[in-house]
Amino acid sequence: MFLYGTFPLEGRLDLTKYIRELLRERDRLDEAIATLERLIEENPALASTRRRGRKSMNPTERREVSKRMRAYWEKRRKEQIRKPPEAANAATA
């Protein structure tokens, strides 16, 4: 077997040999694909299409998060106002 894009240069280049080898590999891949497709047909749960990453929020959830974040930042602003300027500068440095 050889890596794609590399041809061993032992003697002369026999392209028909490489073509036959690639055709055999294609046949093996076709069989594997057909087997997987049959499995999916028999059990559709195997082909789960779950999304990755963050889940999307519906409008109600978005409003709730927005309210929580407004309260959070309001509290932070009030705490900053209560601190003397030197303490606020020291906290950020």
N, C-alpha and C. Protein backbone atom coordinates (compact mmCIF):
# COMPACT_ATOMS: atom_id res chain seq x y z
N MET A 1 0.86 -1.18 0.00
CA MET A 1 0.00 0.00 0.00
C MET A 1 0.89 1.23 0.00
N PHE A 2 0.45 2.28 -0.58
CA PHE A 2 1.21 3.52 -0.60
C PHE A 2 0.34 4.66 -0.13
N LEU A 3 0.97 5.75 0.24
CA LEU A 3 0.22 6.93 0.63
C LEU A 3 -0.19 7.70 -0.61
N TYR A 4 -1.35 8.32 -0.54
CA TYR A 4 -1.80 9.10 -1.68
C TYR A 4 -0.80 10.20 -1.97
N GLY A 5 -0.51 10.39 -3.23
CA GLY A 5 0.41 11.45 -3.63
C GLY A 5 1.86 11.02 -3.64
N THR A 6 2.14 9.80 -3.17
CA THR A 6 3.52 9.32 -3.19
C THR A 6 3.55 8.04 -4.00
N PHE A 7 4.50 7.95 -4.87
CA PHE A 7 4.66 6.76 -5.68
C PHE A 7 6.07 6.23 -5.46
N PRO A 8 6.18 4.99 -4.97
CA PRO A 8 7.53 4.43 -4.82
C PRO A 8 8.15 4.28 -6.21
N LEU A 9 9.35 4.72 -6.36
CA LEU A 9 9.99 4.70 -7.67
C LEU A 9 10.93 3.52 -7.79
N GLU A 10 10.44 2.31 -7.52
CA GLU A 10 11.23 1.10 -7.68
C GLU A 10 11.15 0.69 -9.14
N GLY A 11 12.21 0.88 -9.85
CA GLY A 11 12.18 0.54 -11.26
C GLY A 11 11.27 1.49 -12.01
N ARG A 12 10.48 0.95 -12.91
CA ARG A 12 9.59 1.84 -13.66
C ARG A 12 8.24 1.95 -12.97
N LEU A 13 7.54 2.98 -13.28
CA LEU A 13 6.26 3.29 -12.66
C LEU A 13 5.16 2.48 -13.33
N ASP A 14 4.54 1.57 -12.59
CA ASP A 14 3.48 0.72 -13.14
C ASP A 14 2.13 1.29 -12.72
N LEU A 15 1.58 2.18 -13.52
CA LEU A 15 0.34 2.86 -13.16
C LEU A 15 -0.84 1.90 -13.09
N THR A 16 -0.86 0.89 -13.92
CA THR A 16 -1.99 -0.04 -13.89
C THR A 16 -2.07 -0.75 -12.54
N LYS A 17 -0.90 -1.04 -11.94
CA LYS A 17 -0.89 -1.67 -10.61
C LYS A 17 -1.54 -0.74 -9.59
N TYR A 18 -1.18 0.54 -9.63
CA TYR A 18 -1.74 1.50 -8.68
C TYR A 18 -3.23 1.72 -8.92
N ILE A 19 -3.62 1.69 -10.18
CA ILE A 19 -5.04 1.86 -10.49
C ILE A 19 -5.83 0.67 -9.94
N ARG A 20 -5.32 -0.55 -10.13
CA ARG A 20 -6.01 -1.74 -9.58
C ARG A 20 -6.11 -1.65 -8.06
N GLU A 21 -5.03 -1.23 -7.43
CA GLU A 21 -5.04 -1.11 -5.97
C GLU A 21 -6.06 -0.07 -5.50
N LEU A 22 -6.11 1.04 -6.19
CA LEU A 22 -7.10 2.08 -5.83
C LEU A 22 -8.53 1.60 -6.07
N LEU A 23 -8.73 0.84 -7.13
CA LEU A 23 -10.07 0.31 -7.40
C LEU A 23 -10.49 -0.68 -6.31
N ARG A 24 -9.55 -1.52 -5.86
CA ARG A 24 -9.86 -2.45 -4.76
C ARG A 24 -10.20 -1.66 -3.49
N GLU A 25 -9.44 -0.62 -3.22
CA GLU A 25 -9.72 0.20 -2.04
C GLU A 25 -11.09 0.88 -2.16
N ARG A 26 -11.42 1.35 -3.37
CA ARG A 26 -12.73 1.97 -3.58
C ARG A 26 -13.84 0.96 -3.33
N ASP A 27 -13.64 -0.27 -3.78
CA ASP A 27 -14.65 -1.31 -3.56
C ASP A 27 -14.83 -1.58 -2.06
N ARG A 28 -13.71 -1.62 -1.31
CA ARG A 28 -13.81 -1.83 0.15
C ARG A 28 -14.57 -0.66 0.80
N LEU A 29 -14.28 0.56 0.36
CA LEU A 29 -14.98 1.73 0.93
C LEU A 29 -16.46 1.69 0.57
N ASP A 30 -16.78 1.31 -0.67
CA ASP A 30 -18.19 1.21 -1.07
C ASP A 30 -18.93 0.19 -0.20
N GLU A 31 -18.26 -0.94 0.10
CA GLU A 31 -18.89 -1.94 0.96
C GLU A 31 -19.11 -1.39 2.37
N ALA A 32 -18.12 -0.69 2.90
CA ALA A 32 -18.24 -0.13 4.25
C ALA A 32 -19.37 0.90 4.30
N ILE A 33 -19.46 1.73 3.28
CA ILE A 33 -20.52 2.75 3.23
C ILE A 33 -21.88 2.07 3.15
N ALA A 34 -21.99 1.05 2.31
CA ALA A 34 -23.27 0.34 2.17
C ALA A 34 -23.68 -0.30 3.49
N THR A 35 -22.71 -0.88 4.20
CA THR A 35 -23.01 -1.50 5.50
C THR A 35 -23.52 -0.45 6.48
N LEU A 36 -22.84 0.68 6.55
CA LEU A 36 -23.28 1.74 7.47
C LEU A 36 -24.66 2.27 7.10
N GLU A 37 -24.92 2.41 5.80
CA GLU A 37 -26.25 2.88 5.39
C GLU A 37 -27.34 1.88 5.77
N ARG A 38 -27.03 0.57 5.64
CA ARG A 38 -28.01 -0.45 6.06
C ARG A 38 -28.28 -0.36 7.56
N LEU A 39 -27.21 -0.17 8.34
CA LEU A 39 -27.38 -0.05 9.79
C LEU A 39 -28.27 1.15 10.13
N ILE A 40 -28.07 2.25 9.44
CA ILE A 40 -28.87 3.45 9.70
C ILE A 40 -30.33 3.21 9.32
N GLU A 41 -30.55 2.51 8.20
CA GLU A 41 -31.93 2.20 7.80
C GLU A 41 -32.62 1.33 8.84
N GLU A 42 -31.87 0.37 9.39
CA GLU A 42 -32.45 -0.54 10.38
C GLU A 42 -32.67 0.15 11.72
N ASN A 43 -31.80 1.07 12.07
CA ASN A 43 -31.89 1.75 13.36
C ASN A 43 -31.57 3.25 13.16
N PRO A 44 -32.58 4.05 12.84
CA PRO A 44 -32.35 5.48 12.55
C PRO A 44 -31.72 6.24 13.72
N ALA A 45 -31.83 5.73 14.93
CA ALA A 45 -31.22 6.43 16.07
C ALA A 45 -29.70 6.47 15.96
N LEU A 46 -29.14 5.55 15.20
CA LEU A 46 -27.68 5.55 15.01
C LEU A 46 -27.20 6.79 14.27
N ALA A 47 -28.07 7.36 13.48
CA ALA A 47 -27.71 8.54 12.69
C ALA A 47 -28.16 9.80 13.41
N SER A 48 -27.90 9.87 14.70
CA SER A 48 -28.37 11.03 15.45
C SER A 48 -27.78 12.30 14.87
N THR A 49 -28.59 13.31 14.83
CA THR A 49 -28.14 14.59 14.27
C THR A 49 -28.12 15.63 15.37
N ARG A 50 -27.57 15.24 16.53
CA ARG A 50 -27.50 16.18 17.63
C ARG A 50 -26.60 17.34 17.25
N ARG A 51 -27.02 18.51 17.67
CA ARG A 51 -26.21 19.69 17.43
C ARG A 51 -25.10 19.76 18.47
N ARG A 52 -24.01 20.29 18.07
CA ARG A 52 -22.91 20.48 19.00
C ARG A 52 -22.84 21.94 19.37
N GLY A 53 -22.24 22.19 20.49
CA GLY A 53 -22.07 23.58 20.90
C GLY A 53 -23.21 24.04 21.80
N ARG A 54 -23.38 25.32 21.82
CA ARG A 54 -24.40 25.91 22.68
C ARG A 54 -25.80 25.64 22.20
N LYS A 55 -26.70 25.43 23.14
CA LYS A 55 -28.09 25.25 22.73
C LYS A 55 -28.71 26.62 22.55
N SER A 56 -29.66 26.72 21.67
CA SER A 56 -30.30 28.01 21.45
C SER A 56 -31.37 28.23 22.52
N MET A 57 -31.64 29.49 22.79
CA MET A 57 -32.64 29.82 23.82
C MET A 57 -33.91 30.31 23.15
N ASN A 58 -35.02 29.97 23.77
CA ASN A 58 -36.27 30.52 23.27
C ASN A 58 -36.41 31.92 23.86
N PRO A 59 -37.34 32.72 23.40
CA PRO A 59 -37.48 34.11 23.86
C PRO A 59 -37.68 34.25 25.37
N THR A 60 -38.41 33.32 25.98
CA THR A 60 -38.64 33.39 27.43
C THR A 60 -37.33 33.21 28.18
N GLU A 61 -36.56 32.21 27.80
CA GLU A 61 -35.27 31.99 28.45
C GLU A 61 -34.35 33.18 28.26
N ARG A 62 -34.36 33.75 27.07
CA ARG A 62 -33.52 34.91 26.78
C ARG A 62 -33.88 36.09 27.68
N ARG A 63 -35.19 36.32 27.90
CA ARG A 63 -35.63 37.41 28.80
C ARG A 63 -35.16 37.16 30.22
N GLU A 64 -35.27 35.90 30.67
CA GLU A 64 -34.83 35.58 32.04
C GLU A 64 -33.34 35.82 32.21
N VAL A 65 -32.55 35.42 31.25
CA VAL A 65 -31.11 35.65 31.32
C VAL A 65 -30.83 37.15 31.30
N SER A 66 -31.53 37.86 30.48
CA SER A 66 -31.35 39.30 30.38
C SER A 66 -31.64 39.97 31.73
N LYS A 67 -32.72 39.57 32.38
CA LYS A 67 -33.05 40.14 33.69
C LYS A 67 -31.94 39.84 34.70
N ARG A 68 -31.48 38.60 34.72
CA ARG A 68 -30.41 38.23 35.66
C ARG A 68 -29.15 39.04 35.41
N MET A 69 -28.79 39.21 34.15
CA MET A 69 -27.57 39.95 33.84
C MET A 69 -27.73 41.44 34.17
N ARG A 70 -28.91 42.01 33.94
CA ARG A 70 -29.12 43.42 34.32
C ARG A 70 -28.95 43.59 35.82
N ALA A 71 -29.52 42.66 36.59
CA ALA A 71 -29.39 42.73 38.05
C ALA A 71 -27.93 42.56 38.46
N TYR A 72 -27.22 41.67 37.83
CA TYR A 72 -25.81 41.43 38.14
C TYR A 72 -24.99 42.70 37.91
N TRP A 73 -25.15 43.32 36.74
CA TRP A 73 -24.35 44.51 36.43
C TRP A 73 -24.77 45.71 37.28
N GLU A 74 -26.04 45.80 37.59
CA GLU A 74 -26.49 46.89 38.47
C GLU A 74 -25.83 46.75 39.84
N LYS A 75 -25.79 45.54 40.37
CA LYS A 75 -25.15 45.30 41.66
C LYS A 75 -23.67 45.65 41.58
N ARG A 76 -23.00 45.27 40.50
CA ARG A 76 -21.57 45.59 40.34
C ARG A 76 -21.34 47.10 40.30
N ARG A 77 -22.21 47.83 39.59
CA ARG A 77 -22.06 49.29 39.52
C ARG A 77 -22.24 49.93 40.90
N LYS A 78 -23.22 49.43 41.65
CA LYS A 78 -23.45 49.98 42.99
C LYS A 78 -22.25 49.71 43.89
N GLU A 79 -21.65 48.54 43.79
CA GLU A 79 -20.47 48.23 44.60
C GLU A 79 -19.31 49.14 44.22
N GLN A 80 -19.15 49.45 42.97
CA GLN A 80 -18.07 50.34 42.53
C GLN A 80 -18.27 51.75 43.07
N ILE A 81 -19.51 52.20 43.14
CA ILE A 81 -19.79 53.55 43.64
C ILE A 81 -19.44 53.63 45.12
N ARG A 82 -19.72 52.58 45.89
CA ARG A 82 -19.45 52.57 47.33
C ARG A 82 -17.97 52.54 47.66
N LYS A 83 -17.12 51.96 46.79
CA LYS A 83 -15.69 51.84 47.08
C LYS A 83 -15.02 53.20 46.86
N PRO A 84 -14.03 53.54 47.71
CA PRO A 84 -13.27 54.75 47.47
C PRO A 84 -12.44 54.57 46.18
N PRO A 85 -12.09 55.65 45.49
CA PRO A 85 -11.37 55.55 44.22
C PRO A 85 -10.06 54.76 44.33
N GLU A 86 -9.31 54.89 45.45
CA GLU A 86 -8.04 54.16 45.57
C GLU A 86 -8.29 52.65 45.56
N ALA A 87 -9.29 52.20 46.27
CA ALA A 87 -9.60 50.76 46.34
C ALA A 87 -10.03 50.24 44.99
N ALA A 88 -10.78 51.03 44.25
CA ALA A 88 -11.24 50.62 42.92
C ALA A 88 -10.05 50.50 41.99
N ASN A 89 -9.09 51.42 42.03
CA ASN A 89 -7.91 51.37 41.18
C ASN A 89 -7.02 50.19 41.55
N ALA A 90 -6.86 49.93 42.85
CA ALA A 90 -6.04 48.82 43.29
C ALA A 90 -6.62 47.48 42.86
N ALA A 91 -7.95 47.39 42.82
CA ALA A 91 -8.62 46.14 42.42
C ALA A 91 -8.40 45.85 40.96
N THR A 92 -8.32 46.87 40.12
CA THR A 92 -8.16 46.64 38.69
C THR A 92 -6.71 46.51 38.29
N ALA A 93 -5.79 46.95 39.13
CA ALA A 93 -4.35 46.90 38.76
C ALA A 93 -3.73 45.58 39.11
